[in-house]
């Protein structure tokens, strides 16, 4: 179970840790604009992840300002969103520093979104990002609420995860429809840890991109399909390699394969860092196994073409 960090000094340390972990090229004297205001400040452009960020101290909180930026920032930029992080636990503020039972820290967001279009509900972001990493939080007074886990603060992929959040908010505020769910992967039978679930979304996104490059297509209700008469690939994704997660993924894929028969090509996707014992067991499975490893913040796949043939 996650809970908000409530101690001011611990929150301040977490914010400094977040600021130190974020990457980006500095752009000075940039005028940031938003509805009803503007600010002259230094921003940092995360080029590979198409956004810029800046911290702005405000009364009783720190504001993490964020903007979509596929190209280098100009001298005037618009804010896509901001995450306000209060110096004490406060349910009225959307930004949250959360901690799990092991002491790991997370950047989280309540899902209440300001600056939305006319007619959009602030709570509509929860529906828009239904497949996000939403987790229950227990507050100091015992009340429970739900929050989106944006990124673990100790993740080497923190900047990529924050860029993913900015892009999602941009599409939501523009009134775009939610991304269609394609049935590309069988649903995990276990609830991942918040950290593993964040990585799972990155791996899933990278897998979709790789399959699109290979000419796969799909719709909102059907599996991705190879052009022609070949079977439809169905993937089960193992995010962090825990034994119980691996066992459930293999079982789910076996059941889906039995139900689909010759029309389905089952493929297991697992980390390249599994133990030798698990690796030997995977080689004995009656379906293909694709291994992924991290190259920076991107998952790359070994054996994907062979598995699809």
C-alpha atoms as a PDB file:
ATOM      1  CA  UNK A   1       0.000   0.000   0.000  1.00  0.00           C
ATOM      2  CA  UNK A   2       1.220   3.477  -0.862  1.00  0.00           C
ATOM      3  CA  UNK A   3       0.869   6.553   1.306  1.00  0.00           C
ATOM      4  CA  UNK A   4       1.644  10.241   0.775  1.00  0.00           C
ATOM      5  CA  UNK A   5       4.803  11.539   2.389  1.00  0.00           C
ATOM      6  CA  UNK A   6       3.706  14.046   5.000  1.00  0.00           C
ATOM      7  CA  UNK A   7       6.914  15.293   6.608  1.00  0.00           C
ATOM      8  CA  UNK A   8       8.016  18.657   5.116  1.00  0.00           C
ATOM      9  CA  UNK A   9      11.747  17.930   5.277  1.00  0.00           C
ATOM     10  CA  UNK A  10      11.299  14.542   3.642  1.00  0.00           C
ATOM     11  CA  UNK A  11       9.169  16.085   0.896  1.00  0.00           C
ATOM     12  CA  UNK A  12      11.829  18.754   0.293  1.00  0.00           C
ATOM     13  CA  UNK A  13      14.522  16.061   0.022  1.00  0.00           C
ATOM     14  CA  UNK A  14      12.361  14.094  -2.426  1.00  0.00           C
ATOM     15  CA  UNK A  15      11.789  17.187  -4.589  1.00  0.00           C
ATOM     16  CA  UNK A  16      15.534  17.905  -4.662  1.00  0.00           C
ATOM     17  CA  UNK A  17      16.098  14.273  -5.602  1.00  0.00           C
ATOM     18  CA  UNK A  18      13.538  14.581  -8.404  1.00  0.00           C
ATOM     19  CA  UNK A  19      15.132  17.772  -9.667  1.00  0.00           C
ATOM     20  CA  UNK A  20      18.590  16.189  -9.654  1.00  0.00           C
ATOM     21  CA  UNK A  21      17.383  13.076 -11.494  1.00  0.00           C
ATOM     22  CA  UNK A  22      15.660  14.882 -14.360  1.00  0.00           C
ATOM     23  CA  UNK A  23      17.750  15.407 -17.466  1.00  0.00           C
ATOM     24  CA  UNK A  24      17.672  18.229 -19.988  1.00  0.00           C
ATOM     25  CA  UNK A  25      19.498  20.992 -21.822  1.00  0.00           C
ATOM     26  CA  UNK A  26      19.085  24.400 -20.159  1.00  0.00           C
ATOM     27  CA  UNK A  27      17.349  27.215 -22.088  1.00  0.00           C
ATOM     28  CA  UNK A  28      17.594  30.540 -20.235  1.00  0.00           C
ATOM     29  CA  UNK A  29      15.288  33.558 -20.154  1.00  0.00           C
ATOM     30  CA  UNK A  30      12.322  31.737 -21.652  1.00  0.00           C
ATOM     31  CA  UNK A  31       8.940  33.398 -21.202  1.00  0.00           C
ATOM     32  CA  UNK A  32       6.363  30.805 -20.132  1.00  0.00           C
ATOM     33  CA  UNK A  33       2.736  31.651 -20.713  1.00  0.00           C
ATOM     34  CA  UNK A  34      -0.514  30.227 -19.452  1.00  0.00           C
ATOM     35  CA  UNK A  35      -4.077  31.376 -19.154  1.00  0.00           C
ATOM     36  CA  UNK A  36      -3.889  34.588 -17.126  1.00  0.00           C
ATOM     37  CA  UNK A  37      -0.151  34.771 -16.511  1.00  0.00           C
ATOM     38  CA  UNK A  38       3.433  34.488 -17.646  1.00  0.00           C
ATOM     39  CA  UNK A  39       6.882  33.874 -16.152  1.00  0.00           C
ATOM     40  CA  UNK A  40      10.473  34.496 -17.268  1.00  0.00           C
ATOM     41  CA  UNK A  41      12.666  31.586 -16.186  1.00  0.00           C
ATOM     42  CA  UNK A  42      15.139  28.843 -17.151  1.00  0.00           C
ATOM     43  CA  UNK A  43      13.697  25.610 -18.543  1.00  0.00           C
ATOM     44  CA  UNK A  44      15.379  22.289 -19.348  1.00  0.00           C
ATOM     45  CA  UNK A  45      14.624  20.509 -22.613  1.00  0.00           C
ATOM     46  CA  UNK A  46      14.526  16.713 -22.575  1.00  0.00           C
ATOM     47  CA  UNK A  47      15.059  16.346 -26.313  1.00  0.00           C
ATOM     48  CA  UNK A  48      14.647  12.577 -26.593  1.00  0.00           C
ATOM     49  CA  UNK A  49      11.372  12.680 -24.678  1.00  0.00           C
ATOM     50  CA  UNK A  50       9.889  15.795 -26.357  1.00  0.00           C
ATOM     51  CA  UNK A  51       9.212  17.986 -23.352  1.00  0.00           C
ATOM     52  CA  UNK A  52      10.745  20.682 -21.186  1.00  0.00           C
ATOM     53  CA  UNK A  53      10.549  21.097 -17.430  1.00  0.00           C
ATOM     54  CA  UNK A  54      11.204  23.764 -14.801  1.00  0.00           C
ATOM     55  CA  UNK A  55      10.733  24.084 -11.047  1.00  0.00           C
ATOM     56  CA  UNK A  56       9.156  27.232  -9.673  1.00  0.00           C
ATOM     57  CA  UNK A  57       8.960  27.821  -5.886  1.00  0.00           C
ATOM     58  CA  UNK A  58       5.594  29.091  -4.705  1.00  0.00           C
ATOM     59  CA  UNK A  59       3.950  29.692  -1.350  1.00  0.00           C
ATOM     60  CA  UNK A  60       3.774  26.381   0.558  1.00  0.00           C
ATOM     61  CA  UNK A  61       4.556  24.309  -2.546  1.00  0.00           C
ATOM     62  CA  UNK A  62       6.884  23.676  -5.480  1.00  0.00           C
ATOM     63  CA  UNK A  63       5.453  23.804  -8.989  1.00  0.00           C
ATOM     64  CA  UNK A  64       6.904  21.432 -11.588  1.00  0.00           C
ATOM     65  CA  UNK A  65       6.100  23.187 -14.879  1.00  0.00           C
ATOM     66  CA  UNK A  66       5.951  20.988 -17.980  1.00  0.00           C
ATOM     67  CA  UNK A  67       5.569  21.632 -21.700  1.00  0.00           C
ATOM     68  CA  UNK A  68       5.362  19.520 -24.842  1.00  0.00           C
ATOM     69  CA  UNK A  69       8.418  20.256 -27.011  1.00  0.00           C
ATOM     70  CA  UNK A  70       9.290  17.967 -29.945  1.00  0.00           C
ATOM     71  CA  UNK A  71      11.580  20.764 -31.158  1.00  0.00           C
ATOM     72  CA  UNK A  72      14.065  22.983 -29.337  1.00  0.00           C
ATOM     73  CA  UNK A  73      12.316  25.577 -27.129  1.00  0.00           C
ATOM     74  CA  UNK A  74      11.943  29.127 -28.361  1.00  0.00           C
ATOM     75  CA  UNK A  75      12.006  32.293 -26.240  1.00  0.00           C
ATOM     76  CA  UNK A  76       8.271  31.896 -25.596  1.00  0.00           C
ATOM     77  CA  UNK A  77       6.691  28.594 -24.583  1.00  0.00           C
ATOM     78  CA  UNK A  78       3.254  27.494 -23.422  1.00  0.00           C
ATOM     79  CA  UNK A  79       2.823  25.329 -20.357  1.00  0.00           C
ATOM     80  CA  UNK A  80       1.111  22.011 -21.057  1.00  0.00           C
ATOM     81  CA  UNK A  81       0.569  21.214 -17.379  1.00  0.00           C
ATOM     82  CA  UNK A  82       2.077  21.648 -13.951  1.00  0.00           C
ATOM     83  CA  UNK A  83       2.384  19.324 -10.992  1.00  0.00           C
ATOM     84  CA  UNK A  84       2.064  21.244  -7.734  1.00  0.00           C
ATOM     85  CA  UNK A  85       3.892  19.524  -4.894  1.00  0.00           C
ATOM     86  CA  UNK A  86       2.841  20.781  -1.442  1.00  0.00           C
ATOM     87  CA  UNK A  87       5.373  20.814   1.402  1.00  0.00           C
ATOM     88  CA  UNK A  88       2.894  18.883   3.567  1.00  0.00           C
ATOM     89  CA  UNK A  89       0.462  16.135   2.590  1.00  0.00           C
ATOM     90  CA  UNK A  90      -2.605  17.877   1.151  1.00  0.00           C
ATOM     91  CA  UNK A  91      -5.434  16.143  -0.707  1.00  0.00           C
ATOM     92  CA  UNK A  92      -6.534  19.453  -2.232  1.00  0.00           C
ATOM     93  CA  UNK A  93      -3.321  19.653  -4.298  1.00  0.00           C
ATOM     94  CA  UNK A  94      -2.917  17.316  -7.284  1.00  0.00           C
ATOM     95  CA  UNK A  95       0.804  16.590  -6.939  1.00  0.00           C
ATOM     96  CA  UNK A  96       1.884  13.929  -4.448  1.00  0.00           C
ATOM     97  CA  UNK A  97       5.146  12.440  -3.259  1.00  0.00           C
ATOM     98  CA  UNK A  98       4.201   8.874  -2.320  1.00  0.00           C
ATOM     99  CA  UNK A  99       6.120   6.113  -0.558  1.00  0.00           C
ATOM    100  CA  UNK A 100       5.588   2.350  -0.516  1.00  0.00           C
ATOM    101  CA  UNK A 101       6.174  -0.183   2.245  1.00  0.00           C
ATOM    102  CA  UNK A 102       9.782  -0.684   1.135  1.00  0.00           C
ATOM    103  CA  UNK A 103      10.509   3.056   1.360  1.00  0.00           C
ATOM    104  CA  UNK A 104      10.640   3.674  -2.411  1.00  0.00           C
ATOM    105  CA  UNK A 105       9.452   7.141  -3.433  1.00  0.00           C
ATOM    106  CA  UNK A 106       7.147   8.010  -6.334  1.00  0.00           C
ATOM    107  CA  UNK A 107       5.918  11.104  -8.149  1.00  0.00           C
ATOM    108  CA  UNK A 108       2.128  10.791  -8.244  1.00  0.00           C
ATOM    109  CA  UNK A 109      -0.863  12.844  -9.406  1.00  0.00           C
ATOM    110  CA  UNK A 110      -4.451  12.825  -8.191  1.00  0.00           C
ATOM    111  CA  UNK A 111      -5.831  12.925 -11.748  1.00  0.00           C
ATOM    112  CA  UNK A 112      -7.608  16.251 -11.226  1.00  0.00           C
ATOM    113  CA  UNK A 113      -6.554  18.306 -14.210  1.00  0.00           C
ATOM    114  CA  UNK A 114      -6.789  22.092 -14.512  1.00  0.00           C
ATOM    115  CA  UNK A 115      -6.762  24.052 -17.767  1.00  0.00           C
ATOM    116  CA  UNK A 116      -9.134  21.648 -19.495  1.00  0.00           C
ATOM    117  CA  UNK A 117     -11.383  22.466 -22.455  1.00  0.00           C
ATOM    118  CA  UNK A 118     -14.920  23.736 -22.000  1.00  0.00           C
ATOM    119  CA  UNK A 119     -17.137  20.799 -21.131  1.00  0.00           C
ATOM    120  CA  UNK A 120     -14.317  18.534 -19.937  1.00  0.00           C
ATOM    121  CA  UNK A 121     -14.568  17.296 -16.379  1.00  0.00           C
ATOM    122  CA  UNK A 122     -11.407  17.621 -14.341  1.00  0.00           C
ATOM    123  CA  UNK A 123     -11.930  14.018 -13.207  1.00  0.00           C
ATOM    124  CA  UNK A 124     -12.217  12.880 -16.831  1.00  0.00           C
ATOM    125  CA  UNK A 125      -8.479  12.321 -17.017  1.00  0.00           C
ATOM    126  CA  UNK A 126      -8.961   9.105 -15.009  1.00  0.00           C
ATOM    127  CA  UNK A 127     -11.212   7.732 -17.737  1.00  0.00           C
ATOM    128  CA  UNK A 128      -8.948   9.016 -20.511  1.00  0.00           C
ATOM    129  CA  UNK A 129      -5.926   7.188 -19.049  1.00  0.00           C
ATOM    130  CA  UNK A 130      -7.749   4.070 -17.915  1.00  0.00           C
ATOM    131  CA  UNK A 131      -4.687   1.873 -18.509  1.00  0.00           C
ATOM    132  CA  UNK A 132      -2.374   4.116 -16.484  1.00  0.00           C
ATOM    133  CA  UNK A 133      -0.688   3.029 -13.262  1.00  0.00           C
ATOM    134  CA  UNK A 134      -3.450   3.962 -10.801  1.00  0.00           C
ATOM    135  CA  UNK A 135      -2.933   2.954  -7.178  1.00  0.00           C
ATOM    136  CA  UNK A 136      -4.717   3.424  -3.863  1.00  0.00           C
ATOM    137  CA  UNK A 137      -3.174   5.868  -1.378  1.00  0.00           C
ATOM    138  CA  UNK A 138      -3.813   5.829   2.370  1.00  0.00           C
ATOM    139  CA  UNK A 139      -3.660   9.311   3.905  1.00  0.00           C
ATOM    140  CA  UNK A 140      -2.561  10.074   7.478  1.00  0.00           C
ATOM    141  CA  UNK A 141      -6.215  10.353   8.611  1.00  0.00           C
ATOM    142  CA  UNK A 142      -6.985   6.907   7.186  1.00  0.00           C
ATOM    143  CA  UNK A 143      -8.909   8.065   4.116  1.00  0.00           C
ATOM    144  CA  UNK A 144      -8.096   6.295   0.862  1.00  0.00           C
ATOM    145  CA  UNK A 145      -7.958   7.908  -2.567  1.00  0.00           C
ATOM    146  CA  UNK A 146      -6.652   6.872  -5.974  1.00  0.00           C
ATOM    147  CA  UNK A 147      -3.662   8.454  -7.705  1.00  0.00           C
ATOM    148  CA  UNK A 148      -1.715   8.028 -10.919  1.00  0.00           C
ATOM    149  CA  UNK A 149       1.871   6.905 -10.390  1.00  0.00           C
ATOM    150  CA  UNK A 150       3.828   9.071 -12.822  1.00  0.00           C
ATOM    151  CA  UNK A 151       7.272   7.631 -12.098  1.00  0.00           C
ATOM    152  CA  UNK A 152       9.429   6.082  -9.366  1.00  0.00           C
ATOM    153  CA  UNK A 153      11.982   8.684  -8.248  1.00  0.00           C
ATOM    154  CA  UNK A 154      14.811   6.123  -8.410  1.00  0.00           C
ATOM    155  CA  UNK A 155      13.955   4.880 -11.912  1.00  0.00           C
ATOM    156  CA  UNK A 156      16.640   5.368 -14.574  1.00  0.00           C
ATOM    157  CA  UNK A 157      13.688   5.942 -16.910  1.00  0.00           C
ATOM    158  CA  UNK A 158      12.159   8.765 -14.854  1.00  0.00           C
ATOM    159  CA  UNK A 159      12.550  11.401 -17.587  1.00  0.00           C
ATOM    160  CA  UNK A 160      10.938   9.119 -20.197  1.00  0.00           C
ATOM    161  CA  UNK A 161       8.017   8.380 -17.877  1.00  0.00           C
ATOM    162  CA  UNK A 162       7.473  12.071 -17.154  1.00  0.00           C
ATOM    163  CA  UNK A 163       7.553  12.809 -20.895  1.00  0.00           C
ATOM    164  CA  UNK A 164       4.909  10.128 -21.403  1.00  0.00           C
ATOM    165  CA  UNK A 165       2.734  11.883 -18.815  1.00  0.00           C
ATOM    166  CA  UNK A 166       3.143  15.277 -20.516  1.00  0.00           C
ATOM    167  CA  UNK A 167       2.180  13.823 -23.898  1.00  0.00           C
ATOM    168  CA  UNK A 168      -0.903  12.152 -22.420  1.00  0.00           C
ATOM    169  CA  UNK A 169      -2.041  15.404 -20.777  1.00  0.00           C
ATOM    170  CA  UNK A 170      -1.520  17.228 -24.083  1.00  0.00           C
ATOM    171  CA  UNK A 171      -3.807  14.823 -25.920  1.00  0.00           C
ATOM    172  CA  UNK A 172      -6.387  14.945 -23.132  1.00  0.00           C
ATOM    173  CA  UNK A 173      -6.552  18.746 -23.080  1.00  0.00           C
ATOM    174  CA  UNK A 174      -6.756  18.842 -26.882  1.00  0.00           C
ATOM    175  CA  UNK A 175      -9.916  16.724 -26.719  1.00  0.00           C
ATOM    176  CA  UNK A 176      -8.351  13.754 -28.506  1.00  0.00           C
ATOM    177  CA  UNK A 177      -9.941  10.318 -28.009  1.00  0.00           C
ATOM    178  CA  UNK A 178      -8.184   7.869 -25.677  1.00  0.00           C
ATOM    179  CA  UNK A 179      -5.726   5.476 -27.287  1.00  0.00           C
ATOM    180  CA  UNK A 180      -7.519   2.392 -28.532  1.00  0.00           C
ATOM    181  CA  UNK A 181      -6.744  -0.849 -26.722  1.00  0.00           C
ATOM    182  CA  UNK A 182      -5.779  -3.439 -29.290  1.00  0.00           C
ATOM    183  CA  UNK A 183      -5.620  -6.703 -27.358  1.00  0.00           C
ATOM    184  CA  UNK A 184      -1.931  -6.905 -28.180  1.00  0.00           C
ATOM    185  CA  UNK A 185      -1.061  -8.449 -24.791  1.00  0.00           C
ATOM    186  CA  UNK A 186      -3.058 -10.665 -22.469  1.00  0.00           C
ATOM    187  CA  UNK A 187      -3.877  -8.781 -19.284  1.00  0.00           C
ATOM    188  CA  UNK A 188      -1.507  -9.499 -16.373  1.00  0.00           C
ATOM    189  CA  UNK A 189      -3.111 -11.795 -13.817  1.00  0.00           C
ATOM    190  CA  UNK A 190      -1.222 -10.147 -10.957  1.00  0.00           C
ATOM    191  CA  UNK A 191      -1.082  -6.520  -9.919  1.00  0.00           C
ATOM    192  CA  UNK A 192       2.474  -5.332 -10.576  1.00  0.00           C
ATOM    193  CA  UNK A 193       4.378  -3.228  -8.127  1.00  0.00           C
ATOM    194  CA  UNK A 194       4.020   0.449  -9.029  1.00  0.00           C
ATOM    195  CA  UNK A 195       7.602   0.506 -10.335  1.00  0.00           C
ATOM    196  CA  UNK A 196       7.175  -2.622 -12.467  1.00  0.00           C
ATOM    197  CA  UNK A 197       3.856  -1.340 -13.810  1.00  0.00           C
ATOM    198  CA  UNK A 198       5.519   1.878 -14.997  1.00  0.00           C
ATOM    199  CA  UNK A 199       8.160  -0.164 -16.817  1.00  0.00           C
ATOM    200  CA  UNK A 200       5.464  -2.424 -18.271  1.00  0.00           C
ATOM    201  CA  UNK A 201       3.838   0.554 -20.004  1.00  0.00           C
ATOM    202  CA  UNK A 202       7.176   1.556 -21.541  1.00  0.00           C
ATOM    203  CA  UNK A 203       7.853  -1.982 -22.784  1.00  0.00           C
ATOM    204  CA  UNK A 204       4.326  -2.286 -24.153  1.00  0.00           C
ATOM    205  CA  UNK A 205       4.670   1.014 -26.016  1.00  0.00           C
ATOM    206  CA  UNK A 206       8.040   0.035 -27.499  1.00  0.00           C
ATOM    207  CA  UNK A 207       6.613  -3.322 -28.599  1.00  0.00           C
ATOM    208  CA  UNK A 208       3.704  -1.629 -30.365  1.00  0.00           C
ATOM    209  CA  UNK A 209       6.134   0.623 -32.241  1.00  0.00           C
ATOM    210  CA  UNK A 210       8.278  -2.322 -33.333  1.00  0.00           C
ATOM    211  CA  UNK A 211       5.253  -4.248 -34.579  1.00  0.00           C
ATOM    212  CA  UNK A 212       3.942  -1.221 -36.468  1.00  0.00           C
ATOM    213  CA  UNK A 213       7.284  -0.970 -38.266  1.00  0.00           C
ATOM    214  CA  UNK A 214       6.847  -4.572 -39.374  1.00  0.00           C
ATOM    215  CA  UNK A 215       3.491  -3.925 -41.002  1.00  0.00           C
ATOM    216  CA  UNK A 216       1.141  -5.106 -38.266  1.00  0.00           C
ATOM    217  CA  UNK A 217      -2.192  -3.460 -37.847  1.00  0.00           C
ATOM    218  CA  UNK A 218      -5.197  -3.697 -35.551  1.00  0.00           C
ATOM    219  CA  UNK A 219      -8.315  -2.050 -34.257  1.00  0.00           C
ATOM    220  CA  UNK A 220      -9.950  -1.284 -30.956  1.00  0.00           C
ATOM    221  CA  UNK A 221     -11.458  -4.738 -30.507  1.00  0.00           C
ATOM    222  CA  UNK A 222      -9.261  -7.241 -32.323  1.00  0.00           C
ATOM    223  CA  UNK A 223      -5.763  -8.566 -31.915  1.00  0.00           C
ATOM    224  CA  UNK A 224      -2.956  -7.069 -33.927  1.00  0.00           C
ATOM    225  CA  UNK A 225      -2.877  -9.028 -37.168  1.00  0.00           C
ATOM    226  CA  UNK A 226      -0.130  -9.742 -39.649  1.00  0.00           C
ATOM    227  CA  UNK A 227      -1.042  -8.956 -43.226  1.00  0.00           C
ATOM    228  CA  UNK A 228      -2.138 -12.067 -45.045  1.00  0.00           C
ATOM    229  CA  UNK A 229      -3.139 -15.447 -43.672  1.00  0.00           C
ATOM    230  CA  UNK A 230      -0.587 -15.830 -40.896  1.00  0.00           C
ATOM    231  CA  UNK A 231      -1.808 -16.403 -37.291  1.00  0.00           C
ATOM    232  CA  UNK A 232      -2.394 -13.407 -35.067  1.00  0.00           C
ATOM    233  CA  UNK A 233       0.408 -12.862 -32.539  1.00  0.00           C
ATOM    234  CA  UNK A 234      -0.669 -12.682 -28.905  1.00  0.00           C
ATOM    235  CA  UNK A 235       1.854 -11.555 -26.320  1.00  0.00           C
ATOM    236  CA  UNK A 236       2.220 -12.025 -22.582  1.00  0.00           C
ATOM    237  CA  UNK A 237       4.590  -9.513 -21.043  1.00  0.00           C
ATOM    238  CA  UNK A 238       6.717 -10.193 -17.973  1.00  0.00           C
ATOM    239  CA  UNK A 239       7.764  -6.813 -16.586  1.00  0.00           C
ATOM    240  CA  UNK A 240      10.321  -7.553 -13.883  1.00  0.00           C
ATOM    241  CA  UNK A 241      10.794 -11.334 -13.826  1.00  0.00           C
ATOM    242  CA  UNK A 242       9.352 -12.211 -10.418  1.00  0.00           C
ATOM    243  CA  UNK A 243       8.722 -16.003 -10.281  1.00  0.00           C
ATOM    244  CA  UNK A 244       5.002 -15.589  -9.608  1.00  0.00           C
ATOM    245  CA  UNK A 245       4.675 -13.059 -12.418  1.00  0.00           C
ATOM    246  CA  UNK A 246       6.490 -15.378 -14.825  1.00  0.00           C
ATOM    247  CA  UNK A 247       4.312 -18.352 -13.843  1.00  0.00           C
ATOM    248  CA  UNK A 248       1.092 -16.386 -14.289  1.00  0.00           C
ATOM    249  CA  UNK A 249       2.187 -14.998 -17.657  1.00  0.00           C
ATOM    250  CA  UNK A 250       3.043 -18.468 -18.969  1.00  0.00           C
ATOM    251  CA  UNK A 251      -0.265 -19.840 -17.680  1.00  0.00           C
ATOM    252  CA  UNK A 252      -2.322 -16.993 -19.142  1.00  0.00           C
ATOM    253  CA  UNK A 253      -0.618 -17.303 -22.514  1.00  0.00           C
ATOM    254  CA  UNK A 254      -1.093 -21.085 -22.556  1.00  0.00           C
ATOM    255  CA  UNK A 255      -4.808 -20.713 -21.840  1.00  0.00           C
ATOM    256  CA  UNK A 256      -5.248 -17.982 -24.463  1.00  0.00           C
ATOM    257  CA  UNK A 257      -3.376 -20.135 -26.961  1.00  0.00           C
ATOM    258  CA  UNK A 258      -5.572 -23.158 -26.236  1.00  0.00           C
ATOM    259  CA  UNK A 259      -8.693 -21.068 -26.732  1.00  0.00           C
ATOM    260  CA  UNK A 260      -7.432 -19.442 -29.931  1.00  0.00           C
ATOM    261  CA  UNK A 261      -6.068 -22.601 -31.512  1.00  0.00           C
ATOM    262  CA  UNK A 262      -4.201 -22.261 -34.823  1.00  0.00           C
ATOM    263  CA  UNK A 263      -5.447 -18.691 -35.301  1.00  0.00           C
ATOM    264  CA  UNK A 264      -3.162 -17.410 -32.515  1.00  0.00           C
ATOM    265  CA  UNK A 265       0.631 -17.314 -32.326  1.00  0.00           C
ATOM    266  CA  UNK A 266       1.541 -17.104 -28.599  1.00  0.00           C
ATOM    267  CA  UNK A 267       4.727 -15.163 -27.754  1.00  0.00           C
ATOM    268  CA  UNK A 268       6.165 -14.579 -24.292  1.00  0.00           C
ATOM    269  CA  UNK A 269       8.116 -11.322 -23.734  1.00  0.00           C
ATOM    270  CA  UNK A 270      10.474 -11.435 -20.747  1.00  0.00           C
ATOM    271  CA  UNK A 271      13.502  -9.510 -19.424  1.00  0.00           C
ATOM    272  CA  UNK A 272      16.922 -10.552 -20.665  1.00  0.00           C
ATOM    273  CA  UNK A 273      18.081 -10.467 -17.034  1.00  0.00           C
ATOM    274  CA  UNK A 274      16.237 -13.625 -15.935  1.00  0.00           C
ATOM    275  CA  UNK A 275      18.253 -16.258 -14.098  1.00  0.00           C
ATOM    276  CA  UNK A 276      19.887 -19.133 -15.992  1.00  0.00           C
ATOM    277  CA  UNK A 277      17.392 -21.535 -14.427  1.00  0.00           C
ATOM    278  CA  UNK A 278      14.421 -19.518 -15.666  1.00  0.00           C
ATOM    279  CA  UNK A 279      16.102 -19.056 -19.037  1.00  0.00           C
ATOM    280  CA  UNK A 280      16.462 -22.825 -19.494  1.00  0.00           C
ATOM    281  CA  UNK A 281      12.806 -23.318 -18.563  1.00  0.00           C
ATOM    282  CA  UNK A 282      11.690 -20.714 -21.101  1.00  0.00           C
ATOM    283  CA  UNK A 283      13.578 -22.493 -23.867  1.00  0.00           C
ATOM    284  CA  UNK A 284      11.490 -25.602 -23.175  1.00  0.00           C
ATOM    285  CA  UNK A 285       8.145 -23.837 -23.599  1.00  0.00           C
ATOM    286  CA  UNK A 286       6.009 -24.802 -26.614  1.00  0.00           C
ATOM    287  CA  UNK A 287       5.856 -21.175 -27.802  1.00  0.00           C
ATOM    288  CA  UNK A 288       8.362 -18.497 -28.693  1.00  0.00           C
ATOM    289  CA  UNK A 289      10.073 -16.266 -26.151  1.00  0.00           C
ATOM    290  CA  UNK A 290      11.302 -12.757 -26.972  1.00  0.00           C
ATOM    291  CA  UNK A 291      13.765 -11.135 -24.562  1.00  0.00           C
ATOM    292  CA  UNK A 292      13.948  -7.410 -23.942  1.00  0.00           C
ATOM    293  CA  UNK A 293      16.689  -5.238 -22.486  1.00  0.00           C
ATOM    294  CA  UNK A 294      16.952  -1.546 -21.766  1.00  0.00           C
ATOM    295  CA  UNK A 295      18.928   0.727 -24.044  1.00  0.00           C
ATOM    296  CA  UNK A 296      18.728   3.956 -22.120  1.00  0.00           C
ATOM    297  CA  UNK A 297      15.018   4.436 -21.434  1.00  0.00           C
ATOM    298  CA  UNK A 298      13.857   2.325 -24.383  1.00  0.00           C
ATOM    299  CA  UNK A 299      13.149  -1.402 -24.423  1.00  0.00           C
ATOM    300  CA  UNK A 300      14.764  -3.261 -27.322  1.00  0.00           C
ATOM    301  CA  UNK A 301      13.767  -6.788 -28.296  1.00  0.00           C
ATOM    302  CA  UNK A 302      15.912  -9.803 -29.178  1.00  0.00           C
ATOM    303  CA  UNK A 303      14.324 -12.517 -31.318  1.00  0.00           C
ATOM    304  CA  UNK A 304      11.151 -10.642 -32.280  1.00  0.00           C
ATOM    305  CA  UNK A 305      11.470 -11.328 -36.015  1.00  0.00           C
ATOM    306  CA  UNK A 306      12.104 -15.032 -35.429  1.00  0.00           C
ATOM    307  CA  UNK A 307       9.070 -15.244 -33.150  1.00  0.00           C
ATOM    308  CA  UNK A 308       6.824 -13.660 -35.772  1.00  0.00           C
ATOM    309  CA  UNK A 309       7.989 -15.946 -38.611  1.00  0.00           C
END
